[in-house]
PDB file of all heavy atoms in Angstrom:
ATOM      1  N   ARG A   1      -5.001  -2.631   4.351  1.00  0.00           N
ATOM      2  CA  ARG A   1      -4.932  -1.755   3.206  1.00  0.00           C
ATOM      3  C   ARG A   1      -5.846  -0.526   3.352  1.00  0.00           C
ATOM      4  O   ARG A   1      -5.407   0.597   3.062  1.00  0.00           O
ATOM      5  CB  ARG A   1      -5.437  -2.546   1.997  1.00  0.00           C
ATOM      6  CG  ARG A   1      -5.436  -1.711   0.687  1.00  0.00           C
ATOM      7  CD  ARG A   1      -5.859  -2.553  -0.519  1.00  0.00           C
ATOM      8  NE  ARG A   1      -5.908  -1.731  -1.690  1.00  0.00           N
ATOM      9  CZ  ARG A   1      -7.006  -1.185  -2.194  1.00  0.00           C
ATOM     10  NH1 ARG A   1      -8.172  -1.415  -1.634  1.00  0.00           N
ATOM     11  NH2 ARG A   1      -6.956  -0.472  -3.324  1.00  0.00           N
ATOM     12  N   ASN A   2      -7.031  -0.708   3.849  1.00  0.00           N
ATOM     13  CA  ASN A   2      -7.941   0.439   4.107  1.00  0.00           C
ATOM     14  C   ASN A   2      -7.302   1.436   5.039  1.00  0.00           C
ATOM     15  O   ASN A   2      -7.409   2.643   4.858  1.00  0.00           O
ATOM     16  CB  ASN A   2      -9.311  -0.029   4.639  1.00  0.00           C
ATOM     17  CG  ASN A   2     -10.078  -0.782   3.596  1.00  0.00           C
ATOM     18  OD1 ASN A   2      -9.800  -0.780   2.421  1.00  0.00           O
ATOM     19  ND2 ASN A   2     -11.118  -1.483   4.043  1.00  0.00           N
ATOM     20  N   TRP A   3      -6.656   0.898   6.118  1.00  0.00           N
ATOM     21  CA  TRP A   3      -6.025   1.798   7.086  1.00  0.00           C
ATOM     22  C   TRP A   3      -4.879   2.583   6.473  1.00  0.00           C
ATOM     23  O   TRP A   3      -4.779   3.793   6.667  1.00  0.00           O
ATOM     24  CB  TRP A   3      -5.552   0.965   8.304  1.00  0.00           C
ATOM     25  CG  TRP A   3      -4.938   1.811   9.373  1.00  0.00           C
ATOM     26  CD1 TRP A   3      -5.613   2.461  10.322  1.00  0.00           C
ATOM     27  CD2 TRP A   3      -3.550   2.110   9.557  1.00  0.00           C
ATOM     28  NE1 TRP A   3      -4.699   3.146  11.135  1.00  0.00           N
ATOM     29  CE2 TRP A   3      -3.455   2.943  10.657  1.00  0.00           C
ATOM     30  CE3 TRP A   3      -2.419   1.727   8.876  1.00  0.00           C
ATOM     31  CZ2 TRP A   3      -2.239   3.418  11.138  1.00  0.00           C
ATOM     32  CZ3 TRP A   3      -1.157   2.178   9.323  1.00  0.00           C
ATOM     33  CH2 TRP A   3      -1.094   3.017  10.465  1.00  0.00           C
ATOM     34  N   VAL A   4      -4.015   1.896   5.706  1.00  0.00           N
ATOM     35  CA  VAL A   4      -2.891   2.572   5.084  1.00  0.00           C
ATOM     36  C   VAL A   4      -3.373   3.596   4.109  1.00  0.00           C
ATOM     37  O   VAL A   4      -2.904   4.759   4.057  1.00  0.00           O
ATOM     38  CB  VAL A   4      -1.879   1.571   4.422  1.00  0.00           C
ATOM     39  CG1 VAL A   4      -0.886   2.292   3.587  1.00  0.00           C
ATOM     40  CG2 VAL A   4      -1.253   0.723   5.453  1.00  0.00           C
ATOM     41  N   VAL A   5      -4.381   3.252   3.274  1.00  0.00           N
ATOM     42  CA  VAL A   5      -4.897   4.216   2.273  1.00  0.00           C
ATOM     43  C   VAL A   5      -5.512   5.404   2.938  1.00  0.00           C
ATOM     44  O   VAL A   5      -5.287   6.528   2.527  1.00  0.00           O
ATOM     45  CB  VAL A   5      -5.967   3.494   1.390  1.00  0.00           C
ATOM     46  CG1 VAL A   5      -6.769   4.474   0.578  1.00  0.00           C
ATOM     47  CG2 VAL A   5      -5.317   2.464   0.470  1.00  0.00           C
ATOM     48  N   SER A   6      -6.189   5.207   4.051  1.00  0.00           N
ATOM     49  CA  SER A   6      -6.792   6.367   4.751  1.00  0.00           C
ATOM     50  C   SER A   6      -5.790   7.254   5.438  1.00  0.00           C
ATOM     51  O   SER A   6      -6.079   8.412   5.684  1.00  0.00           O
ATOM     52  CB  SER A   6      -7.877   5.883   5.741  1.00  0.00           C
ATOM     53  OG  SER A   6      -7.246   5.193   6.807  1.00  0.00           O
ATOM     54  N   HIS A   7      -4.619   6.719   5.778  1.00  0.00           N
ATOM     55  CA  HIS A   7      -3.631   7.529   6.491  1.00  0.00           C
ATOM     56  C   HIS A   7      -2.533   8.122   5.592  1.00  0.00           C
ATOM     57  O   HIS A   7      -1.701   8.881   6.067  1.00  0.00           O
ATOM     58  CB  HIS A   7      -2.960   6.660   7.622  1.00  0.00           C
ATOM     59  CG  HIS A   7      -3.857   6.501   8.776  1.00  0.00           C
ATOM     60  ND1 HIS A   7      -4.869   5.584   8.802  1.00  0.00           N
ATOM     61  CD2 HIS A   7      -3.904   7.134   9.964  1.00  0.00           C
ATOM     62  CE1 HIS A   7      -5.504   5.678   9.963  1.00  0.00           C
ATOM     63  NE2 HIS A   7      -4.987   6.632  10.686  1.00  0.00           N
ATOM     64  N   MET A   8      -2.513   7.732   4.371  1.00  0.00           N
ATOM     65  CA  MET A   8      -1.546   8.304   3.442  1.00  0.00           C
ATOM     66  C   MET A   8      -2.176   9.481   2.748  1.00  0.00           C
ATOM     67  O   MET A   8      -3.255   9.346   2.183  1.00  0.00           O
ATOM     68  CB  MET A   8      -1.087   7.268   2.421  1.00  0.00           C
ATOM     69  CG  MET A   8      -0.502   6.009   2.940  1.00  0.00           C
ATOM     70  SD  MET A   8       1.116   6.302   3.717  1.00  0.00           S
ATOM     71  CE  MET A   8       2.161   5.916   2.363  1.00  0.00           C
ATOM     72  N   GLY A   9      -1.542  10.609   2.800  1.00  0.00           N
ATOM     73  CA  GLY A   9      -2.084  11.774   2.148  1.00  0.00           C
ATOM     74  C   GLY A   9      -1.901  11.801   0.677  1.00  0.00           C
ATOM     75  O   GLY A   9      -1.167  11.000   0.091  1.00  0.00           O
ATOM     76  N   GLY A  10      -2.654  12.638  -0.004  1.00  0.00           N
ATOM     77  CA  GLY A  10      -2.442  12.823  -1.439  1.00  0.00           C
ATOM     78  C   GLY A  10      -3.413  12.021  -2.244  1.00  0.00           C
ATOM     79  O   GLY A  10      -4.216  11.195  -1.748  1.00  0.00           O
ATOM     80  N   THR A  11      -3.393  12.333  -3.517  1.00  0.00           N
ATOM     81  CA  THR A  11      -4.264  11.662  -4.487  1.00  0.00           C
ATOM     82  C   THR A  11      -3.453  11.410  -5.760  1.00  0.00           C
ATOM     83  O   THR A  11      -2.336  11.850  -5.906  1.00  0.00           O
ATOM     84  CB  THR A  11      -5.497  12.482  -4.815  1.00  0.00           C
ATOM     85  OG1 THR A  11      -5.063  13.745  -5.392  1.00  0.00           O
ATOM     86  CG2 THR A  11      -6.375  12.749  -3.634  1.00  0.00           C
ATOM     87  N   GLY A  12      -4.066  10.679  -6.648  1.00  0.00           N
ATOM     88  CA  GLY A  12      -3.473  10.462  -7.945  1.00  0.00           C
ATOM     89  C   GLY A  12      -2.990   9.061  -8.147  1.00  0.00           C
ATOM     90  O   GLY A  12      -2.865   8.264  -7.249  1.00  0.00           O
ATOM     91  N   ALA A  13      -2.678   8.777  -9.410  1.00  0.00           N
ATOM     92  CA  ALA A  13      -2.304   7.423  -9.866  1.00  0.00           C
ATOM     93  C   ALA A  13      -1.011   7.009  -9.233  1.00  0.00           C
ATOM     94  O   ALA A  13      -0.873   5.826  -8.805  1.00  0.00           O
ATOM     95  CB  ALA A  13      -2.220   7.395 -11.380  1.00  0.00           C
ATOM     96  N   LEU A  14      -0.004   7.899  -9.134  1.00  0.00           N
ATOM     97  CA  LEU A  14       1.283   7.502  -8.607  1.00  0.00           C
ATOM     98  C   LEU A  14       1.108   7.160  -7.067  1.00  0.00           C
ATOM     99  O   LEU A  14       1.719   6.187  -6.642  1.00  0.00           O
ATOM    100  CB  LEU A  14       2.275   8.657  -8.768  1.00  0.00           C
ATOM    101  CG  LEU A  14       3.711   8.349  -8.258  1.00  0.00           C
ATOM    102  CD1 LEU A  14       4.287   7.121  -8.925  1.00  0.00           C
ATOM    103  CD2 LEU A  14       4.603   9.548  -8.419  1.00  0.00           C
ATOM    104  N   ARG A  15       0.360   7.942  -6.370  1.00  0.00           N
ATOM    105  CA  ARG A  15       0.150   7.678  -4.946  1.00  0.00           C
ATOM    106  C   ARG A  15      -0.565   6.337  -4.760  1.00  0.00           C
ATOM    107  O   ARG A  15      -0.186   5.533  -3.928  1.00  0.00           O
ATOM    108  CB  ARG A  15      -0.703   8.795  -4.309  1.00  0.00           C
ATOM    109  CG  ARG A  15      -1.064   8.499  -2.848  1.00  0.00           C
ATOM    110  CD  ARG A  15      -2.281   9.330  -2.467  1.00  0.00           C
ATOM    111  NE  ARG A  15      -2.880   8.798  -1.236  1.00  0.00           N
ATOM    112  CZ  ARG A  15      -3.849   7.909  -1.214  1.00  0.00           C
ATOM    113  NH1 ARG A  15      -4.344   7.409  -2.287  1.00  0.00           N
ATOM    114  NH2 ARG A  15      -4.341   7.505  -0.061  1.00  0.00           N
ATOM    115  N   ASN A  16      -1.601   6.057  -5.552  1.00  0.00           N
ATOM    116  CA  ASN A  16      -2.338   4.809  -5.441  1.00  0.00           C
ATOM    117  C   ASN A  16      -1.430   3.648  -5.743  1.00  0.00           C
ATOM    118  O   ASN A  16      -1.438   2.613  -5.080  1.00  0.00           O
ATOM    119  CB  ASN A  16      -3.511   4.796  -6.445  1.00  0.00           C
ATOM    120  CG  ASN A  16      -4.557   5.817  -6.044  1.00  0.00           C
ATOM    121  OD1 ASN A  16      -4.618   6.297  -4.931  1.00  0.00           O
ATOM    122  ND2 ASN A  16      -5.438   6.151  -6.995  1.00  0.00           N
ATOM    123  N   TYR A  17      -0.548   3.792  -6.784  1.00  0.00           N
ATOM    124  CA  TYR A  17       0.397   2.744  -7.105  1.00  0.00           C
ATOM    125  C   TYR A  17       1.358   2.498  -5.964  1.00  0.00           C
ATOM    126  O   TYR A  17       1.622   1.350  -5.583  1.00  0.00           O
ATOM    127  CB  TYR A  17       1.167   3.157  -8.389  1.00  0.00           C
ATOM    128  CG  TYR A  17       2.399   2.296  -8.651  1.00  0.00           C
ATOM    129  CD1 TYR A  17       2.265   1.060  -9.229  1.00  0.00           C
ATOM    130  CD2 TYR A  17       3.672   2.709  -8.248  1.00  0.00           C
ATOM    131  CE1 TYR A  17       3.398   0.280  -9.461  1.00  0.00           C
ATOM    132  CE2 TYR A  17       4.778   1.905  -8.491  1.00  0.00           C
ATOM    133  CZ  TYR A  17       4.615   0.717  -9.092  1.00  0.00           C
ATOM    134  OH  TYR A  17       5.725  -0.075  -9.296  1.00  0.00           O
ATOM    135  N   MET A  18       1.920   3.548  -5.392  1.00  0.00           N
ATOM    136  CA  MET A  18       2.883   3.419  -4.269  1.00  0.00           C
ATOM    137  C   MET A  18       2.242   2.787  -3.010  1.00  0.00           C
ATOM    138  O   MET A  18       2.820   1.920  -2.419  1.00  0.00           O
ATOM    139  CB  MET A  18       3.530   4.780  -3.990  1.00  0.00           C
ATOM    140  CG  MET A  18       4.474   5.237  -5.079  1.00  0.00           C
ATOM    141  SD  MET A  18       5.135   6.955  -4.923  1.00  0.00           S
ATOM    142  CE  MET A  18       5.581   7.038  -3.212  1.00  0.00           C
ATOM    143  N   VAL A  19       1.070   3.258  -2.702  1.00  0.00           N
ATOM    144  CA  VAL A  19       0.391   2.717  -1.483  1.00  0.00           C
ATOM    145  C   VAL A  19       0.075   1.293  -1.640  1.00  0.00           C
ATOM    146  O   VAL A  19       0.362   0.467  -0.801  1.00  0.00           O
ATOM    147  CB  VAL A  19      -0.870   3.593  -1.212  1.00  0.00           C
ATOM    148  CG1 VAL A  19      -1.746   2.900  -0.147  1.00  0.00           C
ATOM    149  CG2 VAL A  19      -0.509   4.973  -0.722  1.00  0.00           C
ATOM    150  N   ASP A  20      -0.542   0.930  -2.807  1.00  0.00           N
ATOM    151  CA  ASP A  20      -0.901  -0.502  -2.993  1.00  0.00           C
ATOM    152  C   ASP A  20       0.342  -1.414  -3.093  1.00  0.00           C
ATOM    153  O   ASP A  20       0.316  -2.529  -2.614  1.00  0.00           O
ATOM    154  CB  ASP A  20      -1.739  -0.672  -4.277  1.00  0.00           C
ATOM    155  CG  ASP A  20      -3.225  -0.392  -4.019  1.00  0.00           C
ATOM    156  OD1 ASP A  20      -3.679  -0.595  -2.847  1.00  0.00           O
ATOM    157  OD2 ASP A  20      -3.902   0.008  -4.923  1.00  0.00           O
ATOM    158  N   THR A  21       1.401  -0.907  -3.671  1.00  0.00           N
ATOM    159  CA  THR A  21       2.652  -1.656  -3.748  1.00  0.00           C
ATOM    160  C   THR A  21       3.246  -1.875  -2.353  1.00  0.00           C
ATOM    161  O   THR A  21       3.607  -3.000  -1.970  1.00  0.00           O
ATOM    162  CB  THR A  21       3.683  -0.974  -4.660  1.00  0.00           C
ATOM    163  OG1 THR A  21       3.106  -0.880  -5.968  1.00  0.00           O
ATOM    164  CG2 THR A  21       5.008  -1.771  -4.732  1.00  0.00           C
ATOM    165  N   PHE A  22       3.281  -0.800  -1.550  1.00  0.00           N
ATOM    166  CA  PHE A  22       3.774  -0.914  -0.169  1.00  0.00           C
ATOM    167  C   PHE A  22       2.928  -1.902   0.636  1.00  0.00           C
ATOM    168  O   PHE A  22       3.482  -2.735   1.311  1.00  0.00           O
ATOM    169  CB  PHE A  22       3.805   0.476   0.482  1.00  0.00           C
ATOM    170  CG  PHE A  22       4.035   0.402   1.957  1.00  0.00           C
ATOM    171  CD1 PHE A  22       5.292   0.138   2.484  1.00  0.00           C
ATOM    172  CD2 PHE A  22       2.985   0.559   2.853  1.00  0.00           C
ATOM    173  CE1 PHE A  22       5.520   0.079   3.821  1.00  0.00           C
ATOM    174  CE2 PHE A  22       3.145   0.448   4.210  1.00  0.00           C
ATOM    175  CZ  PHE A  22       4.466   0.188   4.715  1.00  0.00           C
ATOM    176  N   VAL A  23       1.621  -1.777   0.567  1.00  0.00           N
ATOM    177  CA  VAL A  23       0.745  -2.628   1.342  1.00  0.00           C
ATOM    178  C   VAL A  23       0.945  -4.092   0.887  1.00  0.00           C
ATOM    179  O   VAL A  23       1.073  -4.978   1.763  1.00  0.00           O
ATOM    180  CB  VAL A  23      -0.740  -2.174   1.162  1.00  0.00           C
ATOM    181  CG1 VAL A  23      -1.706  -3.248   1.729  1.00  0.00           C
ATOM    182  CG2 VAL A  23      -0.986  -0.899   1.841  1.00  0.00           C
ATOM    183  N   PHE A  24       0.949  -4.317  -0.342  1.00  0.00           N
ATOM    184  CA  PHE A  24       1.074  -5.666  -0.893  1.00  0.00           C
ATOM    185  C   PHE A  24       2.406  -6.312  -0.449  1.00  0.00           C
ATOM    186  O   PHE A  24       2.429  -7.440   0.080  1.00  0.00           O
ATOM    187  CB  PHE A  24       0.942  -5.665  -2.386  1.00  0.00           C
ATOM    188  CG  PHE A  24       0.732  -6.997  -3.038  1.00  0.00           C
ATOM    189  CD1 PHE A  24      -0.524  -7.584  -3.055  1.00  0.00           C
ATOM    190  CD2 PHE A  24       1.815  -7.690  -3.570  1.00  0.00           C
ATOM    191  CE1 PHE A  24      -0.713  -8.836  -3.613  1.00  0.00           C
ATOM    192  CE2 PHE A  24       1.610  -8.946  -4.164  1.00  0.00           C
ATOM    193  CZ  PHE A  24       0.316  -9.501  -4.185  1.00  0.00           C
ATOM    194  N   LEU A  25       3.478  -5.590  -0.619  1.00  0.00           N
ATOM    195  CA  LEU A  25       4.787  -6.118  -0.287  1.00  0.00           C
ATOM    196  C   LEU A  25       4.992  -6.288   1.188  1.00  0.00           C
ATOM    197  O   LEU A  25       5.461  -7.339   1.645  1.00  0.00           O
ATOM    198  CB  LEU A  25       5.872  -5.193  -0.866  1.00  0.00           C
ATOM    199  CG  LEU A  25       7.321  -5.709  -0.876  1.00  0.00           C
ATOM    200  CD1 LEU A  25       7.411  -7.010  -1.631  1.00  0.00           C
ATOM    201  CD2 LEU A  25       8.233  -4.684  -1.534  1.00  0.00           C
ATOM    202  N   SER A  26       4.623  -5.315   1.994  1.00  0.00           N
ATOM    203  CA  SER A  26       4.865  -5.383   3.423  1.00  0.00           C
ATOM    204  C   SER A  26       3.971  -6.454   4.106  1.00  0.00           C
ATOM    205  O   SER A  26       4.370  -6.970   5.174  1.00  0.00           O
ATOM    206  CB  SER A  26       4.610  -3.999   4.115  1.00  0.00           C
ATOM    207  OG  SER A  26       3.286  -3.640   3.988  1.00  0.00           O
ATOM    208  N   PHE A  27       2.850  -6.723   3.575  1.00  0.00           N
ATOM    209  CA  PHE A  27       1.975  -7.688   4.186  1.00  0.00           C
ATOM    210  C   PHE A  27       2.199  -9.092   3.621  1.00  0.00           C
ATOM    211  O   PHE A  27       2.188 -10.092   4.362  1.00  0.00           O
ATOM    212  CB  PHE A  27       0.480  -7.264   3.955  1.00  0.00           C
ATOM    213  CG  PHE A  27      -0.484  -7.961   4.862  1.00  0.00           C
ATOM    214  CD1 PHE A  27      -0.872  -7.404   6.105  1.00  0.00           C
ATOM    215  CD2 PHE A  27      -1.035  -9.176   4.488  1.00  0.00           C
ATOM    216  CE1 PHE A  27      -1.759  -8.056   6.884  1.00  0.00           C
ATOM    217  CE2 PHE A  27      -1.971  -9.834   5.336  1.00  0.00           C
ATOM    218  CZ  PHE A  27      -2.304  -9.256   6.512  1.00  0.00           C
ATOM    219  N   GLN A  28       2.354  -9.246   2.329  1.00  0.00           N
ATOM    220  CA  GLN A  28       2.357 -10.520   1.673  1.00  0.00           C
ATOM    221  C   GLN A  28       3.701 -11.232   1.636  1.00  0.00           C
ATOM    222  O   GLN A  28       3.735 -12.464   1.707  1.00  0.00           O
ATOM    223  CB  GLN A  28       1.855 -10.403   0.236  1.00  0.00           C
ATOM    224  CG  GLN A  28       0.409  -9.992   0.131  1.00  0.00           C
ATOM    225  CD  GLN A  28      -0.552 -11.068   0.639  1.00  0.00           C
ATOM    226  OE1 GLN A  28      -0.155 -12.227   0.877  1.00  0.00           O
ATOM    227  NE2 GLN A  28      -1.811 -10.692   0.752  1.00  0.00           N
ATOM    228  N   LEU A  29       4.800 -10.524   1.518  1.00  0.00           N
ATOM    229  CA  LEU A  29       6.144 -11.176   1.349  1.00  0.00           C
ATOM    230  C   LEU A  29       6.474 -12.085   2.539  1.00  0.00           C
ATOM    231  O   LEU A  29       6.810 -13.266   2.312  1.00  0.00           O
ATOM    232  CB  LEU A  29       7.233 -10.167   1.083  1.00  0.00           C
ATOM    233  CG  LEU A  29       8.594 -10.819   0.814  1.00  0.00           C
ATOM    234  CD1 LEU A  29       8.618 -11.721  -0.336  1.00  0.00           C
ATOM    235  CD2 LEU A  29       9.653  -9.714   0.688  1.00  0.00           C
ATOM    236  N   PRO A  30       6.350 -11.620   3.772  1.00  0.00           N
ATOM    237  CA  PRO A  30       6.671 -12.518   4.911  1.00  0.00           C
ATOM    238  C   PRO A  30       5.776 -13.827   4.910  1.00  0.00           C
ATOM    239  O   PRO A  30       6.243 -14.896   5.174  1.00  0.00           O
ATOM    240  CB  PRO A  30       6.463 -11.673   6.136  1.00  0.00           C
ATOM    241  CG  PRO A  30       6.529 -10.259   5.675  1.00  0.00           C
ATOM    242  CD  PRO A  30       6.036 -10.289   4.270  1.00  0.00           C
ATOM    243  N   LEU A  31       4.544 -13.593   4.607  1.00  0.00           N
ATOM    244  CA  LEU A  31       3.575 -14.696   4.599  1.00  0.00           C
ATOM    245  C   LEU A  31       3.903 -15.681   3.415  1.00  0.00           C
ATOM    246  O   LEU A  31       3.802 -16.912   3.580  1.00  0.00           O
ATOM    247  CB  LEU A  31       2.165 -14.217   4.462  1.00  0.00           C
ATOM    248  CG  LEU A  31       1.708 -13.350   5.642  1.00  0.00           C
ATOM    249  CD1 LEU A  31       0.330 -12.749   5.362  1.00  0.00           C
ATOM    250  CD2 LEU A  31       1.707 -14.128   6.933  1.00  0.00           C
ATOM    251  N   TYR A  32       4.308 -15.137   2.305  1.00  0.00           N
ATOM    252  CA  TYR A  32       4.657 -15.974   1.138  1.00  0.00           C
ATOM    253  C   TYR A  32       5.845 -16.844   1.446  1.00  0.00           C
ATOM    254  O   TYR A  32       5.875 -18.008   1.164  1.00  0.00           O
ATOM    255  CB  TYR A  32       4.946 -15.042  -0.043  1.00  0.00           C
ATOM    256  CG  TYR A  32       5.171 -15.761  -1.340  1.00  0.00           C
ATOM    257  CD1 TYR A  32       4.218 -16.592  -1.931  1.00  0.00           C
ATOM    258  CD2 TYR A  32       6.412 -15.663  -1.982  1.00  0.00           C
ATOM    259  CE1 TYR A  32       4.443 -17.222  -3.134  1.00  0.00           C
ATOM    260  CE2 TYR A  32       6.665 -16.288  -3.183  1.00  0.00           C
ATOM    261  CZ  TYR A  32       5.670 -17.102  -3.749  1.00  0.00           C
ATOM    262  OH  TYR A  32       5.927 -17.696  -4.964  1.00  0.00           O
ATOM    263  N   ILE A  33       6.861 -16.274   2.103  1.00  0.00           N
ATOM    264  CA  ILE A  33       8.080 -17.045   2.468  1.00  0.00           C
ATOM    265  C   ILE A  33       7.719 -18.190   3.438  1.00  0.00           C
ATOM    266  O   ILE A  33       8.158 -19.333   3.247  1.00  0.00           O
ATOM    267  CB  ILE A  33       9.091 -16.101   3.071  1.00  0.00           C
ATOM    268  CG1 ILE A  33       9.641 -15.141   1.984  1.00  0.00           C
ATOM    269  CG2 ILE A  33      10.244 -16.888   3.710  1.00  0.00           C
ATOM    270  CD1 ILE A  33      10.537 -14.028   2.493  1.00  0.00           C
TER     271      ILE A  33
END
């Protein structure tokens, strides 16, 4: 998460939402299954 956040440009609530959603989904879904 820290790595993705540091490499994604921009600021703001929408960016934070998109980054955290991407990180959560891309990392957790395969493990959850």
